[in-house]
N, C-alpha and C. Protein backbone atom coordinates (compact mmCIF):
# COMPACT_ATOMS: atom_id res chain seq x y z
N SER A 1 51.69 -108.12 43.71
CA SER A 1 50.67 -107.09 43.95
C SER A 1 51.32 -105.72 43.92
N GLY A 2 50.49 -104.68 43.92
CA GLY A 2 51.01 -103.32 43.90
C GLY A 2 51.88 -103.01 45.10
N GLY A 3 51.47 -103.51 46.27
CA GLY A 3 52.25 -103.26 47.49
C GLY A 3 53.63 -103.88 47.42
N GLU A 4 53.71 -105.08 46.89
CA GLU A 4 55.02 -105.74 46.76
C GLU A 4 55.89 -104.98 45.76
N LEU A 5 55.30 -104.54 44.66
CA LEU A 5 56.06 -103.78 43.67
C LEU A 5 56.59 -102.49 44.27
N GLN A 6 55.78 -101.79 45.05
CA GLN A 6 56.21 -100.55 45.67
C GLN A 6 57.38 -100.80 46.62
N ARG A 7 57.34 -101.90 47.37
CA ARG A 7 58.44 -102.21 48.29
C ARG A 7 59.71 -102.56 47.52
N VAL A 8 59.58 -103.24 46.39
CA VAL A 8 60.75 -103.56 45.56
C VAL A 8 61.35 -102.27 45.01
N LEU A 9 60.50 -101.37 44.52
CA LEU A 9 61.00 -100.10 44.00
C LEU A 9 61.66 -99.28 45.09
N LEU A 10 61.10 -99.33 46.30
CA LEU A 10 61.72 -98.64 47.42
C LEU A 10 63.10 -99.23 47.72
N ALA A 11 63.21 -100.54 47.66
CA ALA A 11 64.51 -101.18 47.91
C ALA A 11 65.55 -100.71 46.89
N PHE A 12 65.16 -100.60 45.62
CA PHE A 12 66.08 -100.08 44.61
C PHE A 12 66.48 -98.64 44.91
N ALA A 13 65.54 -97.84 45.39
CA ALA A 13 65.82 -96.44 45.68
C ALA A 13 66.75 -96.27 46.87
N LEU A 14 66.86 -97.29 47.70
CA LEU A 14 67.65 -97.18 48.93
C LEU A 14 69.08 -97.69 48.79
N ARG A 15 69.48 -98.13 47.61
CA ARG A 15 70.85 -98.60 47.41
C ARG A 15 71.54 -97.78 46.36
N PRO A 16 72.55 -97.04 46.67
CA PRO A 16 73.06 -96.79 48.01
C PRO A 16 72.09 -95.92 48.80
N THR A 17 72.27 -95.89 50.10
CA THR A 17 71.37 -95.13 50.97
C THR A 17 71.41 -93.65 50.58
N PRO A 18 70.25 -93.10 50.24
CA PRO A 18 70.22 -91.70 49.81
C PRO A 18 70.23 -90.73 50.99
N ASP A 19 70.54 -89.49 50.71
CA ASP A 19 70.48 -88.44 51.73
C ASP A 19 69.04 -87.97 51.93
N LEU A 20 68.20 -88.19 50.94
CA LEU A 20 66.82 -87.74 50.95
C LEU A 20 65.98 -88.73 50.15
N LEU A 21 64.79 -89.03 50.64
CA LEU A 21 63.88 -89.93 49.93
C LEU A 21 62.67 -89.12 49.49
N LEU A 22 62.39 -89.10 48.19
CA LEU A 22 61.27 -88.36 47.63
C LEU A 22 60.25 -89.36 47.10
N LEU A 23 59.03 -89.30 47.65
CA LEU A 23 57.97 -90.24 47.28
C LEU A 23 56.78 -89.46 46.73
N ASP A 24 56.39 -89.75 45.49
CA ASP A 24 55.27 -89.07 44.86
C ASP A 24 54.11 -90.07 44.72
N GLU A 25 53.09 -89.89 45.58
CA GLU A 25 51.92 -90.78 45.61
C GLU A 25 52.37 -92.26 45.59
N PRO A 26 53.18 -92.68 46.55
CA PRO A 26 53.81 -94.00 46.48
C PRO A 26 52.86 -95.17 46.68
N VAL A 27 51.67 -94.95 47.17
CA VAL A 27 50.79 -96.09 47.46
C VAL A 27 49.51 -96.09 46.62
N SER A 28 49.54 -95.37 45.50
CA SER A 28 48.37 -95.44 44.62
C SER A 28 48.24 -96.87 44.09
N ALA A 29 47.03 -97.36 44.06
CA ALA A 29 46.71 -98.72 43.60
C ALA A 29 47.26 -99.81 44.52
N VAL A 30 47.48 -99.48 45.78
CA VAL A 30 47.94 -100.48 46.76
C VAL A 30 46.82 -100.68 47.77
N ASP A 31 46.59 -101.94 48.17
CA ASP A 31 45.52 -102.22 49.13
C ASP A 31 45.90 -101.72 50.53
N ASN A 32 44.92 -101.69 51.44
CA ASN A 32 45.13 -101.12 52.78
C ASN A 32 46.26 -101.78 53.54
N ARG A 33 46.37 -103.10 53.48
CA ARG A 33 47.47 -103.78 54.18
C ARG A 33 48.81 -103.38 53.59
N GLY A 34 48.86 -103.29 52.27
CA GLY A 34 50.10 -102.90 51.60
C GLY A 34 50.48 -101.47 51.93
N ILE A 35 49.47 -100.58 52.03
CA ILE A 35 49.73 -99.19 52.38
C ILE A 35 50.36 -99.10 53.76
N GLU A 36 49.75 -99.79 54.71
CA GLU A 36 50.29 -99.75 56.08
C GLU A 36 51.70 -100.31 56.14
N ALA A 37 51.93 -101.43 55.47
CA ALA A 37 53.26 -102.05 55.47
C ALA A 37 54.29 -101.12 54.82
N PHE A 38 53.91 -100.49 53.72
CA PHE A 38 54.83 -99.59 53.03
C PHE A 38 55.21 -98.41 53.91
N TYR A 39 54.21 -97.75 54.50
CA TYR A 39 54.50 -96.58 55.32
C TYR A 39 55.22 -96.94 56.61
N GLU A 40 54.95 -98.09 57.18
CA GLU A 40 55.69 -98.52 58.37
C GLU A 40 57.15 -98.74 58.01
N LEU A 41 57.39 -99.31 56.85
CA LEU A 41 58.77 -99.52 56.38
C LEU A 41 59.48 -98.18 56.18
N VAL A 42 58.83 -97.24 55.52
CA VAL A 42 59.43 -95.92 55.29
C VAL A 42 59.68 -95.20 56.61
N THR A 43 58.72 -95.29 57.53
CA THR A 43 58.88 -94.65 58.84
C THR A 43 60.07 -95.23 59.58
N GLY A 44 60.22 -96.54 59.53
CA GLY A 44 61.36 -97.20 60.17
C GLY A 44 62.68 -96.77 59.55
N LEU A 45 62.72 -96.68 58.25
CA LEU A 45 63.94 -96.23 57.57
C LEU A 45 64.27 -94.79 57.94
N ARG A 46 63.24 -93.95 58.00
CA ARG A 46 63.45 -92.55 58.37
C ARG A 46 64.09 -92.45 59.75
N ARG A 47 63.59 -93.25 60.68
CA ARG A 47 64.14 -93.22 62.04
C ARG A 47 65.56 -93.79 62.09
N GLU A 48 65.73 -94.95 61.46
CA GLU A 48 67.01 -95.65 61.54
C GLU A 48 68.15 -94.86 60.89
N TYR A 49 67.88 -94.27 59.73
CA TYR A 49 68.94 -93.59 58.99
C TYR A 49 68.87 -92.07 59.12
N HIS A 50 67.94 -91.56 59.94
CA HIS A 50 67.77 -90.11 60.10
C HIS A 50 67.64 -89.45 58.73
N MET A 51 66.84 -90.09 57.89
CA MET A 51 66.69 -89.70 56.50
C MET A 51 65.45 -88.83 56.30
N PRO A 52 65.62 -87.64 55.79
CA PRO A 52 64.43 -86.84 55.48
C PRO A 52 63.63 -87.51 54.36
N VAL A 53 62.31 -87.47 54.49
CA VAL A 53 61.42 -88.04 53.48
C VAL A 53 60.45 -86.95 53.06
N ILE A 54 60.37 -86.70 51.76
CA ILE A 54 59.37 -85.80 51.22
C ILE A 54 58.33 -86.66 50.53
N LEU A 55 57.10 -86.52 50.98
CA LEU A 55 55.99 -87.35 50.50
C LEU A 55 54.95 -86.44 49.85
N VAL A 56 54.62 -86.72 48.61
CA VAL A 56 53.54 -86.02 47.92
C VAL A 56 52.32 -86.91 48.00
N SER A 57 51.22 -86.37 48.56
CA SER A 57 50.00 -87.16 48.68
C SER A 57 48.78 -86.25 48.71
N HIS A 58 47.70 -86.74 48.10
CA HIS A 58 46.41 -86.07 48.18
C HIS A 58 45.53 -86.74 49.24
N ASN A 59 46.03 -87.80 49.84
CA ASN A 59 45.27 -88.54 50.83
C ASN A 59 45.55 -87.94 52.21
N LEU A 60 44.58 -87.19 52.72
CA LEU A 60 44.77 -86.49 53.99
C LEU A 60 44.94 -87.45 55.16
N ALA A 61 44.31 -88.60 55.10
CA ALA A 61 44.46 -89.59 56.18
C ALA A 61 45.90 -90.08 56.26
N HIS A 62 46.53 -90.31 55.11
CA HIS A 62 47.94 -90.74 55.11
C HIS A 62 48.85 -89.64 55.62
N VAL A 63 48.56 -88.41 55.21
CA VAL A 63 49.37 -87.28 55.67
C VAL A 63 49.27 -87.18 57.19
N ARG A 64 48.06 -87.27 57.72
CA ARG A 64 47.88 -87.18 59.19
C ARG A 64 48.62 -88.28 59.93
N ARG A 65 48.54 -89.48 59.40
CA ARG A 65 49.06 -90.64 60.13
C ARG A 65 50.58 -90.79 60.04
N TYR A 66 51.15 -90.44 58.89
CA TYR A 66 52.53 -90.82 58.65
C TYR A 66 53.52 -89.66 58.54
N THR A 67 53.08 -88.42 58.77
CA THR A 67 54.02 -87.31 58.62
C THR A 67 54.17 -86.52 59.92
N THR A 68 55.25 -85.78 60.00
CA THR A 68 55.49 -84.94 61.17
C THR A 68 55.34 -83.46 60.85
N SER A 69 55.51 -83.11 59.58
CA SER A 69 55.29 -81.74 59.15
C SER A 69 54.69 -81.79 57.74
N ALA A 70 54.05 -80.67 57.34
CA ALA A 70 53.34 -80.67 56.07
C ALA A 70 53.47 -79.31 55.39
N ILE A 71 53.35 -79.36 54.09
CA ILE A 71 53.30 -78.16 53.27
C ILE A 71 52.06 -78.29 52.39
N LEU A 72 51.22 -77.28 52.40
CA LEU A 72 50.05 -77.25 51.54
C LEU A 72 50.41 -76.45 50.29
N LEU A 73 50.31 -77.12 49.14
CA LEU A 73 50.65 -76.49 47.87
C LEU A 73 49.41 -76.39 46.99
N ASP A 74 49.25 -75.28 46.33
CA ASP A 74 48.24 -75.11 45.29
C ASP A 74 48.79 -74.06 44.34
N GLN A 75 49.65 -74.48 43.44
CA GLN A 75 50.40 -73.66 42.52
C GLN A 75 51.47 -72.81 43.22
N THR A 76 51.42 -72.75 44.53
CA THR A 76 52.42 -72.07 45.33
C THR A 76 52.31 -72.61 46.76
N VAL A 77 53.24 -72.28 47.60
CA VAL A 77 53.16 -72.70 49.00
C VAL A 77 52.11 -71.85 49.70
N LEU A 78 51.06 -72.51 50.19
CA LEU A 78 50.00 -71.82 50.92
C LEU A 78 50.24 -71.82 52.42
N LEU A 79 50.81 -72.91 52.92
CA LEU A 79 50.97 -73.06 54.37
C LEU A 79 52.01 -74.12 54.65
N THR A 80 52.76 -73.93 55.70
CA THR A 80 53.75 -74.92 56.13
C THR A 80 53.77 -74.93 57.66
N GLY A 81 54.04 -76.10 58.23
CA GLY A 81 54.11 -76.22 59.69
C GLY A 81 53.98 -77.66 60.11
N SER A 82 53.69 -77.87 61.39
CA SER A 82 53.49 -79.24 61.85
C SER A 82 52.26 -79.81 61.14
N THR A 83 52.21 -81.11 61.03
CA THR A 83 51.07 -81.74 60.38
C THR A 83 49.76 -81.30 61.02
N GLU A 84 49.72 -81.29 62.34
CA GLU A 84 48.49 -80.89 63.03
C GLU A 84 48.09 -79.46 62.70
N GLN A 85 49.04 -78.55 62.70
CA GLN A 85 48.74 -77.15 62.38
C GLN A 85 48.17 -77.03 60.97
N VAL A 86 48.83 -77.66 60.02
CA VAL A 86 48.41 -77.56 58.63
C VAL A 86 47.05 -78.23 58.43
N MET A 87 46.89 -79.43 58.98
CA MET A 87 45.65 -80.18 58.75
C MET A 87 44.43 -79.52 59.38
N HIS A 88 44.62 -78.73 60.42
CA HIS A 88 43.50 -78.06 61.08
C HIS A 88 43.28 -76.63 60.58
N SER A 89 43.93 -76.28 59.50
CA SER A 89 43.87 -74.90 59.00
C SER A 89 42.66 -74.68 58.09
N GLU A 90 42.27 -73.45 58.02
CA GLU A 90 41.21 -73.03 57.10
C GLU A 90 41.64 -73.25 55.66
N GLU A 91 42.93 -73.06 55.37
CA GLU A 91 43.44 -73.24 54.01
C GLU A 91 43.23 -74.67 53.52
N VAL A 92 43.45 -75.66 54.37
CA VAL A 92 43.22 -77.06 53.98
C VAL A 92 41.73 -77.28 53.72
N ARG A 93 40.90 -76.76 54.60
CA ARG A 93 39.45 -76.93 54.41
C ARG A 93 39.01 -76.32 53.09
N GLN A 94 39.49 -75.15 52.77
CA GLN A 94 39.11 -74.50 51.52
C GLN A 94 39.67 -75.24 50.31
N THR A 95 40.94 -75.61 50.37
CA THR A 95 41.59 -76.27 49.24
C THR A 95 40.95 -77.62 48.90
N PHE A 96 40.58 -78.37 49.94
CA PHE A 96 40.00 -79.70 49.72
C PHE A 96 38.48 -79.70 49.77
N GLY A 97 37.87 -78.54 49.93
CA GLY A 97 36.41 -78.45 49.94
C GLY A 97 35.78 -79.14 51.14
N LEU A 98 36.43 -79.06 52.28
CA LEU A 98 35.93 -79.70 53.49
C LEU A 98 35.05 -78.73 54.26
N LEU A 99 34.03 -79.26 54.91
CA LEU A 99 33.15 -78.38 55.70
C LEU A 99 33.76 -78.07 57.04
């Protein structure tokens, strides 16, 4: 399945252990169980190895749940800060067309 493939690709990316992990939409086409398992694995690795993780995602729910800080980009950096600060900003509402 997509979730298993993503975990295999993550395993390849982790040998040797990198200084930084860059993930670009890593759970596209993965079911909900696979998404949770993937992000729990990445979160555990981040804690265990004190590894910075840069995650690119358009899914605001994933950003809220699995990140500690965020950067809002739209051709340039619009906002940066804690996930809560960024997610509750007017810039996010405007960029994503939220009421």
